[in-house]
Amino acid sequence: MKTVIAVCLALFSASAWAQAAPSCPTLPASAGLQWEQRADASFIACKAITADGRQVLNVMLTSRDPKIRLERRLREEESTFSGEEIYWYKLDLGGQETTPAMASRRITVVELGDDQYAQVWINADSAQELSSMISLAQQLDVRAASAQLSAGN
């Protein structure tokens, strides 16, 4: 009897945790990427990893305004993310000239709703990979996870 109770409690705890921990958005199977996820009560961090272990797309959902200032002079591609119109920005290197390795990296911050924000950054190795990651980011829908995160506060 004690074993049955212990198993039931373990299953209930696992089920409650699964419901309490929002997950990263679904990646298309064709992307060849896998999420690494880390979450707590105030954020969900999703890192899209290639088969060789490289991080190419990162999404952080948070209930706090990240207060990241994105300067217009660094604005590049116009796009969408989770249904919102956005611009991708080059990284601010503090006045230093962009190196070839940094030229295909981008960042954006998206306000999804009251106390719902997404910070998204791309670590592409080439212009072709950058284009591919922007297209992938356009397909992601983070609203369910973001709303669940806000509801948990």
N, C-alpha and C. Protein backbone atom coordinates (compact mmCIF):
# COMPACT_ATOMS: atom_id res chain seq x y z
N MET A 1 0.83 -1.19 0.00
CA MET A 1 0.00 0.00 0.00
C MET A 1 0.87 1.26 0.00
N LYS A 2 1.93 1.25 0.84
CA LYS A 2 2.83 2.42 0.87
C LYS A 2 3.48 2.65 -0.48
N THR A 3 3.81 1.55 -1.17
CA THR A 3 4.43 1.66 -2.47
C THR A 3 3.46 2.31 -3.47
N VAL A 4 2.21 1.91 -3.43
CA VAL A 4 1.20 2.48 -4.33
C VAL A 4 1.04 3.97 -4.06
N ILE A 5 0.99 4.36 -2.79
CA ILE A 5 0.87 5.78 -2.42
C ILE A 5 2.09 6.55 -2.90
N ALA A 6 3.28 5.98 -2.69
CA ALA A 6 4.51 6.66 -3.11
C ALA A 6 4.54 6.85 -4.62
N VAL A 7 4.13 5.80 -5.36
CA VAL A 7 4.11 5.90 -6.82
C VAL A 7 3.10 6.95 -7.26
N CYS A 8 1.92 6.96 -6.65
CA CYS A 8 0.89 7.96 -6.99
C CYS A 8 1.39 9.37 -6.71
N LEU A 9 2.04 9.56 -5.58
CA LEU A 9 2.59 10.89 -5.24
C LEU A 9 3.66 11.29 -6.24
N ALA A 10 4.51 10.36 -6.61
CA ALA A 10 5.57 10.66 -7.58
C ALA A 10 4.97 11.05 -8.93
N LEU A 11 3.97 10.29 -9.38
CA LEU A 11 3.32 10.62 -10.65
C LEU A 11 2.61 11.96 -10.58
N PHE A 12 1.95 12.25 -9.47
CA PHE A 12 1.27 13.53 -9.30
C PHE A 12 2.29 14.66 -9.33
N SER A 13 3.41 14.49 -8.62
CA SER A 13 4.45 15.52 -8.60
C SER A 13 5.01 15.75 -9.99
N ALA A 14 5.27 14.67 -10.71
CA ALA A 14 5.80 14.80 -12.07
C ALA A 14 4.79 15.48 -12.98
N SER A 15 3.52 15.12 -12.83
CA SER A 15 2.47 15.74 -13.64
C SER A 15 2.33 17.22 -13.30
N ALA A 16 2.36 17.56 -12.02
CA ALA A 16 2.26 18.96 -11.60
C ALA A 16 3.46 19.75 -12.12
N TRP A 17 4.66 19.17 -12.07
CA TRP A 17 5.85 19.85 -12.57
C TRP A 17 5.74 20.08 -14.07
N ALA A 18 5.26 19.06 -14.80
CA ALA A 18 5.13 19.19 -16.25
C ALA A 18 4.15 20.31 -16.59
N GLN A 19 3.09 20.46 -15.81
CA GLN A 19 2.14 21.53 -16.08
C GLN A 19 2.70 22.87 -15.65
N ALA A 20 3.51 22.90 -14.60
CA ALA A 20 4.03 24.16 -14.07
C ALA A 20 5.19 24.70 -14.88
N ALA A 21 5.94 23.82 -15.52
CA ALA A 21 7.13 24.25 -16.27
C ALA A 21 6.78 24.44 -17.74
N PRO A 22 6.62 25.69 -18.19
CA PRO A 22 6.33 25.92 -19.61
C PRO A 22 7.50 25.43 -20.46
N SER A 23 7.19 25.09 -21.68
CA SER A 23 8.25 24.57 -22.53
C SER A 23 8.56 25.51 -23.68
N CYS A 24 9.65 25.23 -24.32
CA CYS A 24 10.07 26.00 -25.48
C CYS A 24 9.10 25.73 -26.63
N PRO A 25 9.01 26.68 -27.57
CA PRO A 25 8.12 26.46 -28.72
C PRO A 25 8.61 25.28 -29.56
N THR A 26 7.72 24.72 -30.32
CA THR A 26 8.06 23.58 -31.17
C THR A 26 8.94 24.02 -32.33
N LEU A 27 10.03 23.30 -32.51
CA LEU A 27 10.91 23.53 -33.67
C LEU A 27 10.47 22.64 -34.82
N PRO A 28 10.47 23.15 -36.03
CA PRO A 28 10.15 22.28 -37.18
C PRO A 28 11.17 21.14 -37.27
N ALA A 29 10.72 19.95 -37.57
CA ALA A 29 11.61 18.78 -37.67
C ALA A 29 12.71 19.03 -38.71
N SER A 30 12.38 19.78 -39.75
CA SER A 30 13.35 20.04 -40.81
C SER A 30 14.50 20.95 -40.37
N ALA A 31 14.36 21.60 -39.22
CA ALA A 31 15.39 22.53 -38.75
C ALA A 31 16.66 21.81 -38.33
N GLY A 32 16.55 20.56 -37.91
CA GLY A 32 17.73 19.82 -37.47
C GLY A 32 18.32 20.37 -36.19
N LEU A 33 17.49 21.01 -35.37
CA LEU A 33 17.94 21.61 -34.12
C LEU A 33 17.20 20.99 -32.95
N GLN A 34 17.78 21.13 -31.78
CA GLN A 34 17.15 20.64 -30.57
C GLN A 34 17.25 21.72 -29.49
N TRP A 35 16.19 21.89 -28.71
CA TRP A 35 16.21 22.88 -27.63
C TRP A 35 16.94 22.34 -26.41
N GLU A 36 17.70 23.20 -25.77
CA GLU A 36 18.14 23.02 -24.39
C GLU A 36 17.34 24.05 -23.62
N GLN A 37 16.70 23.64 -22.54
CA GLN A 37 15.81 24.55 -21.81
C GLN A 37 16.22 24.69 -20.36
N ARG A 38 16.03 25.90 -19.88
CA ARG A 38 16.21 26.20 -18.46
C ARG A 38 15.09 27.15 -18.08
N ALA A 39 14.44 26.90 -16.95
CA ALA A 39 13.30 27.74 -16.57
C ALA A 39 13.23 27.89 -15.06
N ASP A 40 12.66 28.99 -14.63
CA ASP A 40 12.28 29.17 -13.24
C ASP A 40 11.00 29.99 -13.23
N ALA A 41 10.63 30.57 -12.11
CA ALA A 41 9.36 31.28 -12.00
C ALA A 41 9.30 32.54 -12.86
N SER A 42 10.44 33.13 -13.21
CA SER A 42 10.41 34.41 -13.93
C SER A 42 10.93 34.35 -15.36
N PHE A 43 11.46 33.22 -15.81
CA PHE A 43 11.96 33.15 -17.18
C PHE A 43 12.00 31.73 -17.71
N ILE A 44 12.04 31.64 -19.03
CA ILE A 44 12.29 30.38 -19.75
C ILE A 44 13.38 30.71 -20.76
N ALA A 45 14.47 29.99 -20.72
CA ALA A 45 15.56 30.18 -21.68
C ALA A 45 15.62 28.96 -22.59
N CYS A 46 15.54 29.19 -23.88
CA CYS A 46 15.56 28.13 -24.89
C CYS A 46 16.74 28.37 -25.81
N LYS A 47 17.60 27.38 -25.93
CA LYS A 47 18.76 27.48 -26.81
C LYS A 47 18.65 26.40 -27.87
N ALA A 48 18.56 26.81 -29.12
CA ALA A 48 18.50 25.86 -30.23
C ALA A 48 19.93 25.46 -30.57
N ILE A 49 20.19 24.15 -30.47
CA ILE A 49 21.53 23.60 -30.63
C ILE A 49 21.60 22.75 -31.89
N THR A 50 22.68 22.92 -32.65
CA THR A 50 22.91 22.10 -33.85
C THR A 50 23.43 20.73 -33.41
N ALA A 51 23.49 19.80 -34.35
CA ALA A 51 23.98 18.45 -34.06
C ALA A 51 25.42 18.47 -33.54
N ASP A 52 26.20 19.49 -33.96
CA ASP A 52 27.59 19.57 -33.48
C ASP A 52 27.73 20.40 -32.21
N GLY A 53 26.59 20.78 -31.59
CA GLY A 53 26.62 21.45 -30.29
C GLY A 53 26.68 22.97 -30.32
N ARG A 54 26.55 23.56 -31.49
CA ARG A 54 26.61 25.02 -31.61
C ARG A 54 25.25 25.64 -31.34
N GLN A 55 25.21 26.72 -30.54
CA GLN A 55 23.98 27.48 -30.29
C GLN A 55 23.77 28.45 -31.45
N VAL A 56 22.63 28.33 -32.12
CA VAL A 56 22.39 29.20 -33.27
C VAL A 56 21.21 30.15 -33.06
N LEU A 57 20.29 29.78 -32.18
CA LEU A 57 19.12 30.61 -31.91
C LEU A 57 18.79 30.51 -30.44
N ASN A 58 18.61 31.64 -29.80
CA ASN A 58 18.29 31.67 -28.38
C ASN A 58 17.04 32.50 -28.16
N VAL A 59 16.15 32.00 -27.33
CA VAL A 59 14.92 32.71 -27.00
C VAL A 59 14.80 32.72 -25.48
N MET A 60 14.66 33.90 -24.91
CA MET A 60 14.43 34.01 -23.48
C MET A 60 13.09 34.70 -23.28
N LEU A 61 12.18 34.00 -22.65
CA LEU A 61 10.88 34.55 -22.31
C LEU A 61 10.94 34.98 -20.85
N THR A 62 10.46 36.18 -20.58
CA THR A 62 10.55 36.69 -19.22
C THR A 62 9.33 37.55 -18.89
N SER A 63 9.06 37.64 -17.62
CA SER A 63 7.96 38.50 -17.16
C SER A 63 8.48 39.87 -16.75
N ARG A 64 9.77 40.07 -16.90
CA ARG A 64 10.39 41.37 -16.58
C ARG A 64 10.86 42.06 -17.85
N ASP A 65 10.65 43.36 -17.91
CA ASP A 65 11.15 44.14 -19.04
C ASP A 65 12.67 44.05 -19.04
N PRO A 66 13.27 43.53 -20.11
CA PRO A 66 14.72 43.39 -20.14
C PRO A 66 15.46 44.71 -20.24
N LYS A 67 14.76 45.78 -20.61
CA LYS A 67 15.35 47.12 -20.71
C LYS A 67 16.63 47.13 -21.54
N ILE A 68 16.61 46.38 -22.62
CA ILE A 68 17.73 46.38 -23.56
C ILE A 68 17.45 47.48 -24.58
N ARG A 69 18.37 48.38 -24.71
CA ARG A 69 18.22 49.49 -25.64
C ARG A 69 18.79 49.10 -26.99
N LEU A 70 17.94 49.05 -27.98
CA LEU A 70 18.35 48.70 -29.33
C LEU A 70 18.34 49.97 -30.18
N GLU A 71 19.51 50.36 -30.64
CA GLU A 71 19.65 51.62 -31.35
C GLU A 71 19.25 51.50 -32.82
N ARG A 72 18.53 52.50 -33.27
CA ARG A 72 18.03 52.52 -34.65
C ARG A 72 19.16 52.36 -35.67
N ARG A 73 20.32 52.93 -35.39
CA ARG A 73 21.44 52.85 -36.34
C ARG A 73 21.93 51.42 -36.55
N LEU A 74 21.56 50.50 -35.64
CA LEU A 74 21.96 49.10 -35.76
C LEU A 74 20.84 48.22 -36.33
N ARG A 75 19.73 48.85 -36.70
CA ARG A 75 18.58 48.13 -37.23
C ARG A 75 18.92 47.53 -38.60
N GLU A 76 18.51 46.28 -38.78
CA GLU A 76 18.78 45.59 -40.05
C GLU A 76 17.48 45.05 -40.65
N GLU A 77 17.23 43.76 -40.52
CA GLU A 77 16.11 43.11 -41.19
C GLU A 77 14.78 43.38 -40.48
N GLU A 78 13.73 43.58 -41.30
CA GLU A 78 12.37 43.66 -40.78
C GLU A 78 11.78 42.25 -40.85
N SER A 79 11.02 41.86 -39.80
CA SER A 79 10.53 40.49 -39.76
C SER A 79 9.33 40.41 -38.83
N THR A 80 8.98 39.19 -38.44
CA THR A 80 7.96 38.95 -37.42
C THR A 80 8.49 37.91 -36.46
N PHE A 81 7.95 37.94 -35.24
CA PHE A 81 8.26 36.91 -34.25
C PHE A 81 7.01 36.71 -33.41
N SER A 82 6.51 35.50 -33.39
CA SER A 82 5.32 35.14 -32.62
C SER A 82 4.16 36.09 -32.91
N GLY A 83 4.01 36.44 -34.19
CA GLY A 83 2.91 37.30 -34.62
C GLY A 83 3.14 38.78 -34.46
N GLU A 84 4.27 39.19 -33.92
CA GLU A 84 4.58 40.61 -33.72
C GLU A 84 5.57 41.09 -34.78
N GLU A 85 5.37 42.31 -35.26
CA GLU A 85 6.31 42.92 -36.21
C GLU A 85 7.56 43.34 -35.43
N ILE A 86 8.72 43.02 -35.97
CA ILE A 86 9.99 43.32 -35.29
C ILE A 86 11.03 43.79 -36.29
N TYR A 87 12.13 44.26 -35.75
CA TYR A 87 13.38 44.48 -36.49
C TYR A 87 14.46 43.68 -35.78
N TRP A 88 15.34 43.13 -36.57
CA TRP A 88 16.54 42.51 -36.03
C TRP A 88 17.62 43.58 -35.99
N TYR A 89 18.47 43.53 -34.99
CA TYR A 89 19.53 44.53 -34.80
C TYR A 89 20.88 43.85 -34.77
N LYS A 90 21.87 44.54 -35.36
CA LYS A 90 23.25 44.11 -35.19
C LYS A 90 23.62 44.30 -33.73
N LEU A 91 24.62 43.57 -33.30
CA LEU A 91 25.07 43.72 -31.92
C LEU A 91 25.82 45.03 -31.75
N ASP A 92 25.62 45.67 -30.62
CA ASP A 92 26.33 46.91 -30.30
C ASP A 92 27.69 46.53 -29.73
N LEU A 93 28.72 46.84 -30.47
CA LEU A 93 30.08 46.48 -30.05
C LEU A 93 30.81 47.68 -29.44
N GLY A 94 30.05 48.64 -28.95
CA GLY A 94 30.64 49.79 -28.28
C GLY A 94 31.53 50.63 -29.17
N GLY A 95 31.15 50.78 -30.43
CA GLY A 95 31.93 51.60 -31.34
C GLY A 95 33.00 50.85 -32.10
N GLN A 96 33.27 49.61 -31.71
CA GLN A 96 34.27 48.82 -32.43
C GLN A 96 33.68 48.36 -33.76
N GLU A 97 34.56 48.18 -34.72
CA GLU A 97 34.13 47.72 -36.03
C GLU A 97 33.68 46.26 -35.96
N THR A 98 32.63 45.94 -36.70
CA THR A 98 32.10 44.58 -36.72
C THR A 98 33.08 43.65 -37.43
N THR A 99 33.40 42.56 -36.78
CA THR A 99 34.26 41.54 -37.38
C THR A 99 33.41 40.65 -38.28
N PRO A 100 34.03 39.95 -39.22
CA PRO A 100 33.24 39.04 -40.07
C PRO A 100 32.44 38.02 -39.25
N ALA A 101 32.99 37.55 -38.16
CA ALA A 101 32.29 36.57 -37.31
C ALA A 101 31.05 37.16 -36.64
N MET A 102 31.05 38.45 -36.39
CA MET A 102 29.93 39.10 -35.72
C MET A 102 28.90 39.67 -36.69
N ALA A 103 29.23 39.74 -37.97
CA ALA A 103 28.36 40.37 -38.96
C ALA A 103 27.03 39.67 -39.13
N SER A 104 26.97 38.37 -38.86
CA SER A 104 25.73 37.62 -39.04
C SER A 104 25.05 37.27 -37.72
N ARG A 105 25.29 38.07 -36.72
CA ARG A 105 24.61 37.88 -35.42
C ARG A 105 23.59 38.99 -35.24
N ARG A 106 22.45 38.64 -34.66
CA ARG A 106 21.36 39.60 -34.48
C ARG A 106 20.70 39.42 -33.12
N ILE A 107 19.99 40.47 -32.72
CA ILE A 107 19.23 40.45 -31.47
C ILE A 107 17.95 41.26 -31.66
N THR A 108 16.94 40.92 -30.91
CA THR A 108 15.71 41.71 -30.86
C THR A 108 15.03 41.47 -29.52
N VAL A 109 14.18 42.40 -29.14
CA VAL A 109 13.34 42.25 -27.96
C VAL A 109 11.91 42.49 -28.41
N VAL A 110 11.02 41.61 -27.98
CA VAL A 110 9.63 41.68 -28.40
C VAL A 110 8.75 41.78 -27.17
N GLU A 111 7.88 42.79 -27.14
CA GLU A 111 6.88 42.86 -26.07
C GLU A 111 5.66 42.10 -26.56
N LEU A 112 5.36 41.00 -25.87
CA LEU A 112 4.27 40.12 -26.29
C LEU A 112 2.95 40.48 -25.63
N GLY A 113 2.99 41.23 -24.56
CA GLY A 113 1.80 41.60 -23.81
C GLY A 113 2.22 42.19 -22.48
N ASP A 114 1.25 42.40 -21.59
CA ASP A 114 1.58 42.93 -20.27
C ASP A 114 2.51 41.95 -19.54
N ASP A 115 3.66 42.44 -19.16
CA ASP A 115 4.66 41.64 -18.45
C ASP A 115 5.03 40.35 -19.18
N GLN A 116 5.09 40.42 -20.49
CA GLN A 116 5.50 39.28 -21.31
C GLN A 116 6.48 39.78 -22.37
N TYR A 117 7.72 39.34 -22.27
CA TYR A 117 8.77 39.79 -23.19
C TYR A 117 9.53 38.59 -23.72
N ALA A 118 10.04 38.74 -24.93
CA ALA A 118 10.93 37.75 -25.52
C ALA A 118 12.20 38.47 -25.96
N GLN A 119 13.33 37.95 -25.53
CA GLN A 119 14.63 38.39 -26.04
C GLN A 119 15.08 37.27 -26.97
N VAL A 120 15.42 37.63 -28.19
CA VAL A 120 15.78 36.62 -29.18
C VAL A 120 17.10 37.03 -29.81
N TRP A 121 18.01 36.09 -29.90
CA TRP A 121 19.26 36.41 -30.56
C TRP A 121 19.70 35.24 -31.42
N ILE A 122 20.38 35.60 -32.48
CA ILE A 122 20.84 34.63 -33.49
C ILE A 122 22.37 34.68 -33.52
N ASN A 123 22.98 33.50 -33.46
CA ASN A 123 24.44 33.38 -33.55
C ASN A 123 24.79 32.61 -34.81
N ALA A 124 24.50 33.20 -35.95
CA ALA A 124 24.75 32.54 -37.23
C ALA A 124 26.22 32.67 -37.62
N ASP A 125 26.70 31.69 -38.37
CA ASP A 125 28.08 31.70 -38.86
C ASP A 125 28.22 32.35 -40.24
N SER A 126 27.10 32.56 -40.92
CA SER A 126 27.16 33.10 -42.27
C SER A 126 25.87 33.85 -42.58
N ALA A 127 25.89 34.60 -43.67
CA ALA A 127 24.68 35.31 -44.11
C ALA A 127 23.58 34.31 -44.47
N GLN A 128 23.95 33.18 -45.05
CA GLN A 128 22.97 32.15 -45.40
C GLN A 128 22.33 31.56 -44.14
N GLU A 129 23.13 31.26 -43.12
CA GLU A 129 22.59 30.72 -41.88
C GLU A 129 21.74 31.77 -41.16
N LEU A 130 22.15 33.04 -41.23
CA LEU A 130 21.36 34.12 -40.64
C LEU A 130 19.97 34.16 -41.27
N SER A 131 19.91 34.10 -42.58
CA SER A 131 18.62 34.10 -43.28
C SER A 131 17.78 32.91 -42.86
N SER A 132 18.39 31.76 -42.74
CA SER A 132 17.69 30.54 -42.32
C SER A 132 17.15 30.68 -40.90
N MET A 133 17.93 31.25 -39.99
CA MET A 133 17.50 31.42 -38.60
C MET A 133 16.40 32.47 -38.46
N ILE A 134 16.45 33.52 -39.28
CA ILE A 134 15.38 34.53 -39.27
C ILE A 134 14.08 33.87 -39.73
N SER A 135 14.16 33.04 -40.78
CA SER A 135 12.97 32.32 -41.26
C SER A 135 12.44 31.37 -40.19
N LEU A 136 13.33 30.69 -39.52
CA LEU A 136 12.92 29.79 -38.44
C LEU A 136 12.24 30.57 -37.31
N ALA A 137 12.84 31.68 -36.91
CA ALA A 137 12.27 32.49 -35.83
C ALA A 137 10.87 32.98 -36.18
N GLN A 138 10.61 33.26 -37.45
CA GLN A 138 9.28 33.69 -37.88
C GLN A 138 8.23 32.60 -37.65
N GLN A 139 8.65 31.35 -37.62
CA GLN A 139 7.72 30.23 -37.46
C GLN A 139 7.40 29.93 -36.00
N LEU A 140 8.18 30.47 -35.08
CA LEU A 140 8.00 30.13 -33.67
C LEU A 140 6.82 30.89 -33.06
N ASP A 141 6.07 30.20 -32.22
CA ASP A 141 4.97 30.82 -31.48
C ASP A 141 5.23 30.59 -30.00
N VAL A 142 5.57 31.65 -29.30
CA VAL A 142 5.92 31.54 -27.88
C VAL A 142 4.80 32.04 -26.96
N ARG A 143 3.67 32.40 -27.50
CA ARG A 143 2.60 33.00 -26.69
C ARG A 143 2.10 32.08 -25.58
N ALA A 144 1.91 30.80 -25.85
CA ALA A 144 1.40 29.87 -24.83
C ALA A 144 2.37 29.77 -23.66
N ALA A 145 3.65 29.60 -23.95
CA ALA A 145 4.65 29.50 -22.89
C ALA A 145 4.78 30.82 -22.15
N SER A 146 4.74 31.93 -22.87
CA SER A 146 4.85 33.23 -22.24
C SER A 146 3.67 33.51 -21.32
N ALA A 147 2.46 33.17 -21.76
CA ALA A 147 1.27 33.37 -20.94
C ALA A 147 1.31 32.49 -19.71
N GLN A 148 1.80 31.27 -19.87
CA GLN A 148 1.90 30.36 -18.73
C GLN A 148 2.93 30.88 -17.73
N LEU A 149 4.00 31.46 -18.24
CA LEU A 149 5.02 32.04 -17.36
C LEU A 149 4.43 33.21 -16.57
N SER A 150 3.70 34.08 -17.23
CA SER A 150 3.09 35.22 -16.54
C SER A 150 2.05 34.77 -15.53
N ALA A 151 1.30 33.71 -15.85
CA ALA A 151 0.28 33.21 -14.93
C ALA A 151 0.90 32.63 -13.68
N GLY A 152 2.14 32.18 -13.79
CA GLY A 152 2.82 31.60 -12.64
C GLY A 152 3.29 32.61 -11.63
N ASN A 153 3.28 33.89 -11.98
CA ASN A 153 3.75 34.93 -11.06
C ASN A 153 2.66 35.42 -10.18
